[in-house]
Amino acid sequence: MYETFQRYIKSRATLTGAEMEQVRSVAVIKKLRKRQYLLQEGDVWKYHAFVTSGCLRTYSIDEKGNEHIIGFSIENWWSGDRESLLSGEPSRFNIDAIEDSELVLFTNSNFEVLCRTIPAFKQMIEDILNKSFVSQQSRINASLSQTAEEKHLRFVKKYPDFALLIPQNMIASYLGMTPETLSRIRTQTARKS
């Protein structure tokens, strides 16, 4: 499991053997069963989590009991609640496993030490955060300006493997539409092909 994370680092940064060992020494392996929580609303998030296998979803539940999925995390993606991590406030989100999953966790304090003492690791994390920010901006713009059909097409092009991993009702929630609307769009798209 840790080997997946090690390959990820090596593909994005050049660390010495001693630096790789420093990272490994503070890494904690976590396994989640399907539907098991990594984070529950009201808890304070204190980690940086890297998904080595499986799939997680981050979501909130409104006052009517409706789920609103804000993101998915698959193998080689990071997961967590940065707002709670940085503020120390209770999270507004739940994160659970869509399927059995394995993660590498770092406490925030250990993660900060890694960023302070390993410049290449810090640069890798900054690059990841910048790409994540750009992706979030793009998603917000799409959700405000695109039709349901355009949102679905964008999602399928950007994340072709998600349709195989993630139930359609969860994809619909992520796209901000009902499962029935997504089903109609998928049927229309199939007819056009």
N, C-alpha and C. Protein backbone atom coordinates (compact mmCIF):
# COMPACT_ATOMS: atom_id res chain seq x y z
N MET A 1 0.82 -1.19 0.00
CA MET A 1 0.00 0.00 0.00
C MET A 1 0.87 1.26 0.00
N TYR A 2 1.86 1.32 0.88
CA TYR A 2 2.72 2.50 0.92
C TYR A 2 3.48 2.65 -0.39
N GLU A 3 3.74 1.53 -1.07
CA GLU A 3 4.48 1.58 -2.33
C GLU A 3 3.76 2.43 -3.37
N THR A 4 2.43 2.41 -3.35
CA THR A 4 1.66 3.26 -4.27
C THR A 4 1.97 4.72 -4.02
N PHE A 5 2.01 5.10 -2.75
CA PHE A 5 2.33 6.49 -2.40
C PHE A 5 3.77 6.82 -2.77
N GLN A 6 4.66 5.89 -2.55
CA GLN A 6 6.06 6.10 -2.89
C GLN A 6 6.23 6.34 -4.40
N ARG A 7 5.54 5.54 -5.21
CA ARG A 7 5.58 5.73 -6.67
C ARG A 7 5.02 7.10 -7.05
N TYR A 8 3.95 7.50 -6.37
CA TYR A 8 3.33 8.80 -6.62
C TYR A 8 4.34 9.91 -6.37
N ILE A 9 5.03 9.86 -5.24
CA ILE A 9 6.03 10.89 -4.92
C ILE A 9 7.12 10.90 -5.99
N LYS A 10 7.64 9.72 -6.32
CA LYS A 10 8.75 9.64 -7.28
C LYS A 10 8.36 10.17 -8.65
N SER A 11 7.08 10.10 -8.99
CA SER A 11 6.63 10.61 -10.29
C SER A 11 6.47 12.13 -10.30
N ARG A 12 6.53 12.76 -9.12
CA ARG A 12 6.28 14.19 -9.02
C ARG A 12 7.40 14.99 -8.38
N ALA A 13 8.33 14.31 -7.71
CA ALA A 13 9.40 15.01 -7.00
C ALA A 13 10.63 14.12 -6.91
N THR A 14 11.77 14.75 -6.72
CA THR A 14 13.02 14.01 -6.54
C THR A 14 13.45 14.15 -5.09
N LEU A 15 13.30 13.06 -4.34
CA LEU A 15 13.69 13.03 -2.94
C LEU A 15 14.86 12.06 -2.77
N THR A 16 15.73 12.37 -1.82
CA THR A 16 16.83 11.46 -1.51
C THR A 16 16.26 10.24 -0.77
N GLY A 17 17.08 9.22 -0.64
CA GLY A 17 16.66 8.04 0.12
C GLY A 17 16.32 8.39 1.55
N ALA A 18 17.12 9.28 2.15
CA ALA A 18 16.86 9.69 3.54
C ALA A 18 15.55 10.47 3.64
N GLU A 19 15.26 11.30 2.65
CA GLU A 19 14.00 12.06 2.66
C GLU A 19 12.80 11.12 2.49
N MET A 20 12.94 10.14 1.61
CA MET A 20 11.86 9.16 1.43
C MET A 20 11.61 8.40 2.72
N GLU A 21 12.67 8.07 3.43
CA GLU A 21 12.54 7.37 4.70
C GLU A 21 11.89 8.27 5.75
N GLN A 22 12.21 9.56 5.72
CA GLN A 22 11.58 10.51 6.64
C GLN A 22 10.07 10.55 6.41
N VAL A 23 9.66 10.58 5.15
CA VAL A 23 8.23 10.57 4.82
C VAL A 23 7.60 9.26 5.30
N ARG A 24 8.22 8.14 4.99
CA ARG A 24 7.68 6.84 5.38
C ARG A 24 7.55 6.70 6.89
N SER A 25 8.49 7.28 7.62
CA SER A 25 8.51 7.10 9.08
C SER A 25 7.31 7.75 9.78
N VAL A 26 6.67 8.72 9.14
CA VAL A 26 5.52 9.39 9.78
C VAL A 26 4.20 9.04 9.11
N ALA A 27 4.26 8.18 8.10
CA ALA A 27 3.05 7.76 7.39
C ALA A 27 2.31 6.70 8.21
N VAL A 28 0.99 6.81 8.24
CA VAL A 28 0.14 5.84 8.93
C VAL A 28 -0.79 5.21 7.89
N ILE A 29 -0.84 3.90 7.87
CA ILE A 29 -1.70 3.19 6.93
C ILE A 29 -3.09 3.05 7.54
N LYS A 30 -4.12 3.34 6.74
CA LYS A 30 -5.51 3.25 7.20
C LYS A 30 -6.31 2.48 6.15
N LYS A 31 -7.09 1.51 6.63
CA LYS A 31 -7.99 0.76 5.74
C LYS A 31 -9.42 1.10 6.12
N LEU A 32 -10.24 1.32 5.10
CA LEU A 32 -11.67 1.59 5.30
C LEU A 32 -12.48 0.53 4.56
N ARG A 33 -13.51 0.05 5.21
CA ARG A 33 -14.46 -0.82 4.54
C ARG A 33 -15.48 0.04 3.79
N LYS A 34 -16.15 -0.55 2.84
CA LYS A 34 -17.21 0.14 2.11
C LYS A 34 -18.19 0.75 3.12
N ARG A 35 -18.52 2.01 2.92
CA ARG A 35 -19.44 2.81 3.74
C ARG A 35 -18.86 3.26 5.09
N GLN A 36 -17.62 2.91 5.37
CA GLN A 36 -17.00 3.35 6.63
C GLN A 36 -16.54 4.80 6.48
N TYR A 37 -16.72 5.56 7.56
CA TYR A 37 -16.34 6.97 7.54
C TYR A 37 -14.85 7.17 7.77
N LEU A 38 -14.30 8.11 7.03
CA LEU A 38 -12.98 8.65 7.32
C LEU A 38 -13.15 9.90 8.18
N LEU A 39 -14.22 10.66 7.91
CA LEU A 39 -14.55 11.88 8.65
C LEU A 39 -16.06 12.00 8.73
N GLN A 40 -16.55 12.40 9.90
CA GLN A 40 -17.98 12.66 10.06
C GLN A 40 -18.19 14.13 10.38
N GLU A 41 -19.29 14.66 9.87
CA GLU A 41 -19.67 16.03 10.15
C GLU A 41 -19.61 16.26 11.66
N GLY A 42 -19.03 17.40 12.06
CA GLY A 42 -18.92 17.74 13.47
C GLY A 42 -17.57 17.39 14.08
N ASP A 43 -16.81 16.50 13.42
CA ASP A 43 -15.47 16.17 13.90
C ASP A 43 -14.47 17.15 13.29
N VAL A 44 -13.36 17.36 13.96
CA VAL A 44 -12.30 18.22 13.43
C VAL A 44 -11.33 17.34 12.64
N TRP A 45 -11.04 17.74 11.41
CA TRP A 45 -10.13 16.99 10.55
C TRP A 45 -8.70 17.39 10.89
N LYS A 46 -7.83 16.41 11.12
CA LYS A 46 -6.46 16.69 11.58
C LYS A 46 -5.39 16.04 10.72
N TYR A 47 -5.74 15.60 9.53
CA TYR A 47 -4.82 14.80 8.73
C TYR A 47 -4.70 15.29 7.29
N HIS A 48 -3.72 14.73 6.62
CA HIS A 48 -3.60 14.78 5.17
C HIS A 48 -3.72 13.33 4.75
N ALA A 49 -4.65 13.02 3.86
CA ALA A 49 -4.93 11.64 3.50
C ALA A 49 -4.72 11.43 2.00
N PHE A 50 -3.97 10.40 1.67
CA PHE A 50 -3.70 10.02 0.29
C PHE A 50 -4.32 8.66 0.04
N VAL A 51 -5.11 8.56 -1.02
CA VAL A 51 -5.81 7.31 -1.35
C VAL A 51 -4.89 6.43 -2.19
N THR A 52 -4.56 5.24 -1.65
CA THR A 52 -3.72 4.31 -2.41
C THR A 52 -4.55 3.28 -3.17
N SER A 53 -5.78 3.06 -2.73
CA SER A 53 -6.71 2.21 -3.49
C SER A 53 -8.12 2.50 -3.01
N GLY A 54 -9.08 2.25 -3.89
CA GLY A 54 -10.48 2.47 -3.53
C GLY A 54 -11.00 3.81 -4.01
N CYS A 55 -12.09 4.23 -3.40
CA CYS A 55 -12.76 5.47 -3.79
C CYS A 55 -13.53 6.03 -2.59
N LEU A 56 -13.35 7.32 -2.35
CA LEU A 56 -14.05 8.02 -1.27
C LEU A 56 -14.93 9.11 -1.86
N ARG A 57 -15.91 9.52 -1.08
CA ARG A 57 -16.72 10.67 -1.48
C ARG A 57 -16.77 11.64 -0.30
N THR A 58 -16.81 12.92 -0.62
CA THR A 58 -16.96 13.98 0.38
C THR A 58 -18.31 14.62 0.12
N TYR A 59 -19.13 14.72 1.18
CA TYR A 59 -20.48 15.23 0.98
C TYR A 59 -21.01 15.88 2.25
N SER A 60 -22.07 16.66 2.06
CA SER A 60 -22.80 17.23 3.19
C SER A 60 -24.26 16.78 3.06
N ILE A 61 -24.98 16.93 4.15
CA ILE A 61 -26.41 16.60 4.16
C ILE A 61 -27.15 17.85 4.59
N ASP A 62 -28.12 18.28 3.77
CA ASP A 62 -28.86 19.50 4.11
C ASP A 62 -29.96 19.20 5.12
N GLU A 63 -30.68 20.26 5.52
CA GLU A 63 -31.72 20.12 6.55
C GLU A 63 -32.87 19.22 6.13
N LYS A 64 -33.02 18.98 4.82
CA LYS A 64 -34.07 18.09 4.34
C LYS A 64 -33.58 16.64 4.21
N GLY A 65 -32.31 16.42 4.54
CA GLY A 65 -31.76 15.07 4.45
C GLY A 65 -31.18 14.72 3.09
N ASN A 66 -31.05 15.70 2.21
CA ASN A 66 -30.50 15.45 0.88
C ASN A 66 -28.97 15.52 0.92
N GLU A 67 -28.34 14.56 0.25
CA GLU A 67 -26.88 14.55 0.15
C GLU A 67 -26.43 15.47 -0.98
N HIS A 68 -25.34 16.18 -0.73
CA HIS A 68 -24.71 17.03 -1.74
C HIS A 68 -23.24 16.65 -1.81
N ILE A 69 -22.89 15.92 -2.85
CA ILE A 69 -21.52 15.43 -2.99
C ILE A 69 -20.67 16.53 -3.60
N ILE A 70 -19.58 16.87 -2.89
CA ILE A 70 -18.70 17.91 -3.41
C ILE A 70 -17.46 17.35 -4.08
N GLY A 71 -17.19 16.06 -3.87
CA GLY A 71 -16.03 15.51 -4.54
C GLY A 71 -15.84 14.03 -4.30
N PHE A 72 -15.02 13.44 -5.15
CA PHE A 72 -14.61 12.05 -5.04
C PHE A 72 -13.09 12.01 -4.97
N SER A 73 -12.56 10.99 -4.35
CA SER A 73 -11.11 10.78 -4.31
C SER A 73 -10.84 9.32 -4.64
N ILE A 74 -10.08 9.11 -5.71
CA ILE A 74 -9.73 7.76 -6.14
C ILE A 74 -8.24 7.54 -5.93
N GLU A 75 -7.75 6.39 -6.34
CA GLU A 75 -6.34 6.06 -6.20
C GLU A 75 -5.46 7.19 -6.74
N ASN A 76 -4.44 7.54 -5.97
CA ASN A 76 -3.49 8.60 -6.29
C ASN A 76 -4.07 10.01 -6.16
N TRP A 77 -5.15 10.14 -5.42
CA TRP A 77 -5.71 11.45 -5.11
C TRP A 77 -5.64 11.68 -3.61
N TRP A 78 -5.68 12.94 -3.23
CA TRP A 78 -5.72 13.32 -1.82
C TRP A 78 -7.17 13.51 -1.39
N SER A 79 -7.43 13.37 -0.11
CA SER A 79 -8.77 13.55 0.43
C SER A 79 -8.67 14.23 1.78
N GLY A 80 -9.74 14.90 2.16
CA GLY A 80 -9.79 15.54 3.48
C GLY A 80 -10.63 16.80 3.44
N ASP A 81 -10.62 17.51 4.54
CA ASP A 81 -11.36 18.77 4.66
C ASP A 81 -10.38 19.86 5.06
N ARG A 82 -9.88 20.59 4.07
CA ARG A 82 -8.88 21.64 4.34
C ARG A 82 -9.44 22.75 5.22
N GLU A 83 -10.71 23.07 5.06
CA GLU A 83 -11.31 24.12 5.88
C GLU A 83 -11.21 23.75 7.36
N SER A 84 -11.61 22.56 7.72
CA SER A 84 -11.54 22.11 9.11
C SER A 84 -10.09 21.98 9.57
N LEU A 85 -9.23 21.46 8.70
CA LEU A 85 -7.82 21.28 9.04
C LEU A 85 -7.16 22.62 9.39
N LEU A 86 -7.40 23.63 8.55
CA LEU A 86 -6.74 24.92 8.74
C LEU A 86 -7.37 25.76 9.84
N SER A 87 -8.68 25.64 10.02
CA SER A 87 -9.38 26.47 11.02
C SER A 87 -9.45 25.81 12.39
N GLY A 88 -9.35 24.49 12.42
CA GLY A 88 -9.54 23.78 13.68
C GLY A 88 -10.99 23.67 14.09
N GLU A 89 -11.89 24.08 13.19
CA GLU A 89 -13.33 24.05 13.46
C GLU A 89 -13.91 22.70 13.04
N PRO A 90 -15.05 22.32 13.64
CA PRO A 90 -15.70 21.07 13.23
C PRO A 90 -16.05 21.08 11.74
N SER A 91 -15.92 19.94 11.12
CA SER A 91 -16.19 19.81 9.69
C SER A 91 -17.69 19.88 9.40
N ARG A 92 -18.00 20.42 8.23
CA ARG A 92 -19.38 20.44 7.72
C ARG A 92 -19.63 19.23 6.82
N PHE A 93 -18.61 18.41 6.64
CA PHE A 93 -18.67 17.34 5.66
C PHE A 93 -18.49 15.96 6.27
N ASN A 94 -18.94 14.98 5.51
CA ASN A 94 -18.67 13.57 5.77
C ASN A 94 -17.78 13.08 4.64
N ILE A 95 -16.87 12.18 4.98
CA ILE A 95 -16.08 11.49 3.96
C ILE A 95 -16.20 10.01 4.27
N ASP A 96 -16.70 9.25 3.29
CA ASP A 96 -16.80 7.81 3.49
C ASP A 96 -16.32 7.06 2.26
N ALA A 97 -16.13 5.77 2.44
CA ALA A 97 -15.62 4.91 1.37
C ALA A 97 -16.78 4.39 0.52
N ILE A 98 -16.69 4.59 -0.78
CA ILE A 98 -17.67 4.04 -1.72
C ILE A 98 -17.40 2.54 -1.90
N GLU A 99 -16.15 2.16 -1.76
CA GLU A 99 -15.73 0.77 -1.82
C GLU A 99 -14.59 0.60 -0.82
N ASP A 100 -14.21 -0.64 -0.54
CA ASP A 100 -13.08 -0.86 0.36
C ASP A 100 -11.90 -0.02 -0.15
N SER A 101 -11.25 0.69 0.77
CA SER A 101 -10.22 1.63 0.38
C SER A 101 -9.04 1.57 1.34
N GLU A 102 -7.89 1.99 0.84
CA GLU A 102 -6.69 2.07 1.66
C GLU A 102 -6.08 3.45 1.48
N LEU A 103 -5.57 3.99 2.59
CA LEU A 103 -5.03 5.34 2.58
C LEU A 103 -3.72 5.41 3.33
N VAL A 104 -2.96 6.45 3.02
CA VAL A 104 -1.80 6.82 3.80
C VAL A 104 -2.15 8.15 4.47
N LEU A 105 -2.07 8.19 5.80
CA LEU A 105 -2.41 9.39 6.57
C LEU A 105 -1.16 10.00 7.17
N PHE A 106 -1.17 11.34 7.25
CA PHE A 106 -0.15 12.09 7.95
C PHE A 106 -0.85 13.06 8.89
N THR A 107 -0.41 13.12 10.14
CA THR A 107 -0.97 14.16 11.02
C THR A 107 -0.53 15.50 10.44
N ASN A 108 -1.30 16.54 10.71
CA ASN A 108 -0.96 17.85 10.19
C ASN A 108 0.42 18.30 10.68
N SER A 109 0.73 18.04 11.94
CA SER A 109 2.03 18.48 12.47
C SER A 109 3.18 17.76 11.75
N ASN A 110 3.05 16.45 11.53
CA ASN A 110 4.09 15.72 10.80
C ASN A 110 4.19 16.19 9.36
N PHE A 111 3.05 16.48 8.75
CA PHE A 111 3.03 16.94 7.36
C PHE A 111 3.74 18.29 7.24
N GLU A 112 3.49 19.18 8.21
CA GLU A 112 4.16 20.49 8.20
C GLU A 112 5.67 20.35 8.35
N VAL A 113 6.11 19.41 9.18
CA VAL A 113 7.55 19.16 9.33
C VAL A 113 8.13 18.68 7.99
N LEU A 114 7.43 17.77 7.32
CA LEU A 114 7.90 17.30 6.01
C LEU A 114 8.04 18.46 5.03
N CYS A 115 7.06 19.34 5.02
CA CYS A 115 7.10 20.48 4.10
C CYS A 115 8.22 21.46 4.46
N ARG A 116 8.50 21.61 5.74
CA ARG A 116 9.57 22.51 6.19
C ARG A 116 10.96 21.95 5.92
N THR A 117 11.11 20.65 6.04
CA THR A 117 12.45 20.06 5.98
C THR A 117 12.80 19.41 4.64
N ILE A 118 11.80 19.21 3.78
CA ILE A 118 12.06 18.60 2.47
C ILE A 118 11.51 19.53 1.38
N PRO A 119 12.36 20.43 0.85
CA PRO A 119 11.88 21.40 -0.15
C PRO A 119 11.16 20.78 -1.34
N ALA A 120 11.64 19.66 -1.85
CA ALA A 120 10.98 19.04 -3.01
C ALA A 120 9.59 18.54 -2.65
N PHE A 121 9.41 18.05 -1.43
CA PHE A 121 8.09 17.61 -0.98
C PHE A 121 7.16 18.81 -0.89
N LYS A 122 7.65 19.90 -0.31
CA LYS A 122 6.85 21.12 -0.20
C LYS A 122 6.42 21.62 -1.58
N GLN A 123 7.35 21.63 -2.54
CA GLN A 123 7.02 22.08 -3.89
C GLN A 123 5.97 21.18 -4.53
N MET A 124 6.09 19.87 -4.32
CA MET A 124 5.11 18.93 -4.86
C MET A 124 3.72 19.25 -4.30
N ILE A 125 3.62 19.49 -3.00
CA ILE A 125 2.34 19.78 -2.37
C ILE A 125 1.79 21.11 -2.88
N GLU A 126 2.64 22.12 -3.02
CA GLU A 126 2.18 23.40 -3.56
C GLU A 126 1.63 23.24 -4.97
N ASP A 127 2.30 22.45 -5.79
CA ASP A 127 1.81 22.19 -7.16
C ASP A 127 0.45 21.51 -7.13
N ILE A 128 0.29 20.53 -6.25
CA ILE A 128 -0.99 19.82 -6.12
C ILE A 128 -2.09 20.77 -5.68
N LEU A 129 -1.80 21.61 -4.70
CA LEU A 129 -2.81 22.57 -4.21
C LEU A 129 -3.20 23.56 -5.30
N ASN A 130 -2.22 24.03 -6.08
CA ASN A 130 -2.53 24.96 -7.16
C ASN A 130 -3.41 24.31 -8.22
N LYS A 131 -3.11 23.08 -8.59
CA LYS A 131 -3.94 22.37 -9.57
C LYS A 131 -5.35 22.14 -9.03
N SER A 132 -5.43 21.82 -7.75
CA SER A 132 -6.73 21.61 -7.12
C SER A 132 -7.55 22.90 -7.13
N PHE A 133 -6.91 24.02 -6.85
CA PHE A 133 -7.60 25.31 -6.85
C PHE A 133 -8.14 25.63 -8.25
N VAL A 134 -7.33 25.42 -9.26
CA VAL A 134 -7.76 25.66 -10.64
C VAL A 134 -8.94 24.76 -10.99
N SER A 135 -8.87 23.50 -10.59
CA SER A 135 -9.95 22.55 -10.85
C SER A 135 -11.25 22.99 -10.16
N GLN A 136 -11.15 23.45 -8.92
CA GLN A 136 -12.33 23.91 -8.19
C GLN A 136 -12.94 25.14 -8.86
N GLN A 137 -12.10 26.07 -9.30
CA GLN A 137 -12.62 27.25 -10.01
C GLN A 137 -13.37 26.83 -11.27
N SER A 138 -12.79 25.91 -12.01
CA SER A 138 -13.41 25.42 -13.23
C SER A 138 -14.75 24.76 -12.94
N ARG A 139 -14.79 23.97 -11.87
CA ARG A 139 -16.04 23.29 -11.51
C ARG A 139 -17.11 24.29 -11.10
N ILE A 140 -16.74 25.29 -10.32
CA ILE A 140 -17.71 26.32 -9.90
C ILE A 140 -18.25 27.04 -11.12
N ASN A 141 -17.36 27.42 -12.04
CA ASN A 141 -17.80 28.11 -13.25
C ASN A 141 -18.75 27.23 -14.05
N ALA A 142 -18.41 25.96 -14.20
CA ALA A 142 -19.28 25.04 -14.95
C ALA A 142 -20.63 24.89 -14.28
N SER A 143 -20.65 24.79 -12.96
CA SER A 143 -21.93 24.59 -12.27
C SER A 143 -22.82 25.82 -12.40
N LEU A 144 -22.22 26.99 -12.56
CA LEU A 144 -23.00 28.21 -12.69
C LEU A 144 -23.41 28.52 -14.12
N SER A 145 -22.63 28.04 -15.08
CA SER A 145 -22.86 28.49 -16.45
C SER A 145 -23.25 27.41 -17.45
N GLN A 146 -23.14 26.13 -17.08
CA GLN A 146 -23.42 25.08 -18.05
C GLN A 146 -24.79 24.44 -17.82
N THR A 147 -25.33 23.92 -18.90
CA THR A 147 -26.58 23.16 -18.80
C THR A 147 -26.27 21.80 -18.17
N ALA A 148 -27.32 21.09 -17.79
CA ALA A 148 -27.14 19.76 -17.22
C ALA A 148 -26.41 18.84 -18.20
N GLU A 149 -26.76 18.95 -19.49
CA GLU A 149 -26.12 18.12 -20.50
C GLU A 149 -24.64 18.44 -20.61
N GLU A 150 -24.31 19.72 -20.60
CA GLU A 150 -22.90 20.14 -20.69
C GLU A 150 -22.11 19.69 -19.46
N LYS A 151 -22.72 19.77 -18.28
CA LYS A 151 -22.05 19.31 -17.05
C LYS A 151 -21.72 17.82 -17.15
N HIS A 152 -22.70 17.05 -17.62
CA HIS A 152 -22.49 15.60 -17.75
C HIS A 152 -21.38 15.31 -18.75
N LEU A 153 -21.41 15.95 -19.90
CA LEU A 153 -20.40 15.73 -20.93
C LEU A 153 -19.01 16.09 -20.40
N ARG A 154 -18.91 17.20 -19.71
CA ARG A 154 -17.64 17.63 -19.12
C ARG A 154 -17.13 16.59 -18.12
N PHE A 155 -18.03 16.09 -17.28
CA PHE A 155 -17.67 15.09 -16.28
C PHE A 155 -17.15 13.82 -16.93
N VAL A 156 -17.86 13.33 -17.93
CA VAL A 156 -17.48 12.08 -18.61
C VAL A 156 -16.13 12.23 -19.31
N LYS A 157 -15.90 13.39 -19.92
CA LYS A 157 -14.62 13.62 -20.60
C LYS A 157 -13.47 13.74 -19.60
N LYS A 158 -13.72 14.43 -18.50
CA LYS A 158 -12.66 14.67 -17.51
C LYS A 158 -12.38 13.44 -16.66
N TYR A 159 -13.42 12.67 -16.34
CA TYR A 159 -13.29 11.52 -15.44
C TYR A 159 -13.92 10.27 -16.06
N PRO A 160 -13.37 9.75 -17.14
CA PRO A 160 -14.02 8.61 -17.82
C PRO A 160 -14.16 7.36 -16.95
N ASP A 161 -13.24 7.15 -16.02
CA ASP A 161 -13.30 5.95 -15.18
C ASP A 161 -14.33 6.03 -14.07
N PHE A 162 -14.75 7.24 -13.72
CA PHE A 162 -15.68 7.40 -12.60
C PHE A 162 -17.01 6.71 -12.85
N ALA A 163 -17.47 6.71 -14.09
CA ALA A 163 -18.76 6.09 -14.40
C ALA A 163 -18.75 4.60 -14.07
N LEU A 164 -17.58 3.99 -14.10
CA LEU A 164 -17.46 2.57 -13.78
C LEU A 164 -17.37 2.32 -12.28
N LEU A 165 -16.83 3.29 -11.55
CA LEU A 165 -16.59 3.13 -10.12
C LEU A 165 -17.72 3.63 -9.24
N ILE A 166 -18.38 4.68 -9.70
CA ILE A 166 -19.28 5.44 -8.82
C ILE A 166 -20.73 5.25 -9.25
N PRO A 167 -21.61 4.94 -8.30
CA PRO A 167 -23.04 4.80 -8.62
C PRO A 167 -23.60 6.07 -9.26
N GLN A 168 -24.54 5.88 -10.19
CA GLN A 168 -25.09 7.01 -10.94
C GLN A 168 -25.78 8.04 -10.04
N ASN A 169 -26.43 7.59 -8.96
CA ASN A 169 -27.08 8.56 -8.09
C ASN A 169 -26.06 9.48 -7.42
N MET A 170 -24.86 8.98 -7.16
CA MET A 170 -23.80 9.82 -6.58
C MET A 170 -23.24 10.79 -7.61
N ILE A 171 -23.10 10.33 -8.84
CA ILE A 171 -22.65 11.22 -9.91
C ILE A 171 -23.67 12.34 -10.10
N ALA A 172 -24.94 11.99 -10.08
CA ALA A 172 -26.00 13.00 -10.22
C ALA A 172 -25.89 14.04 -9.11
N SER A 173 -25.70 13.60 -7.88
CA SER A 173 -25.56 14.54 -6.76
C SER A 173 -24.37 15.45 -6.97
N TYR A 174 -23.25 14.89 -7.40
CA TYR A 174 -22.05 15.68 -7.66
C TYR A 174 -22.30 16.74 -8.73
N LEU A 175 -23.08 16.37 -9.74
CA LEU A 175 -23.37 17.30 -10.84
C LEU A 175 -24.50 18.27 -10.52
N GLY A 176 -25.15 18.08 -9.37
CA GLY A 176 -26.22 18.99 -8.97
C GLY A 176 -27.53 18.74 -9.69
N MET A 177 -27.82 17.48 -9.97
CA MET A 177 -29.08 17.14 -10.65
C MET A 177 -29.67 15.89 -10.01
N THR A 178 -30.90 15.61 -10.35
CA THR A 178 -31.54 14.41 -9.82
C THR A 178 -31.04 13.18 -10.60
N PRO A 179 -31.14 12.00 -10.01
CA PRO A 179 -30.77 10.79 -10.75
C PRO A 179 -31.62 10.61 -12.01
N GLU A 180 -32.87 11.04 -11.95
CA GLU A 180 -33.75 10.92 -13.12
C GLU A 180 -33.26 11.81 -14.27
N THR A 181 -32.82 13.01 -13.95
CA THR A 181 -32.28 13.91 -14.97
C THR A 181 -31.03 13.31 -15.59
N LEU A 182 -30.15 12.79 -14.77
CA LEU A 182 -28.93 12.17 -15.29
C LEU A 182 -29.27 10.97 -16.18
N SER A 183 -30.22 10.16 -15.77
CA SER A 183 -30.63 9.01 -16.57
C SER A 183 -31.16 9.45 -17.93
N ARG A 184 -31.97 10.50 -17.93
CA ARG A 184 -32.51 11.03 -19.19
C ARG A 184 -31.38 11.52 -20.10
N ILE A 185 -30.43 12.25 -19.52
CA ILE A 185 -29.30 12.77 -20.30
C ILE A 185 -28.47 11.62 -20.87
N ARG A 186 -28.22 10.61 -20.07
CA ARG A 186 -27.43 9.46 -20.54
C ARG A 186 -28.14 8.73 -21.67
N THR A 187 -29.47 8.60 -21.55
CA THR A 187 -30.25 7.94 -22.61
C THR A 187 -30.18 8.75 -23.90
N GLN A 188 -30.35 10.08 -23.79
CA GLN A 188 -30.28 10.95 -24.97
C GLN A 188 -28.90 10.91 -25.61
N THR A 189 -27.87 10.90 -24.78
CA THR A 189 -26.50 10.85 -25.29
C THR A 189 -26.25 9.53 -26.03
N ALA A 190 -26.74 8.44 -25.47
CA ALA A 190 -26.56 7.12 -26.10
C ALA A 190 -27.27 7.07 -27.45
N ARG A 191 -28.43 7.70 -27.54
CA ARG A 191 -29.18 7.71 -28.82
C ARG A 191 -28.45 8.49 -29.89
N LYS A 192 -27.76 9.57 -29.48
CA LYS A 192 -27.03 10.40 -30.44
C LYS A 192 -25.79 9.70 -30.97
N SER A 193 -25.26 8.78 -30.20
CA SER A 193 -24.00 8.10 -30.59
C SER A 193 -24.21 7.07 -31.66
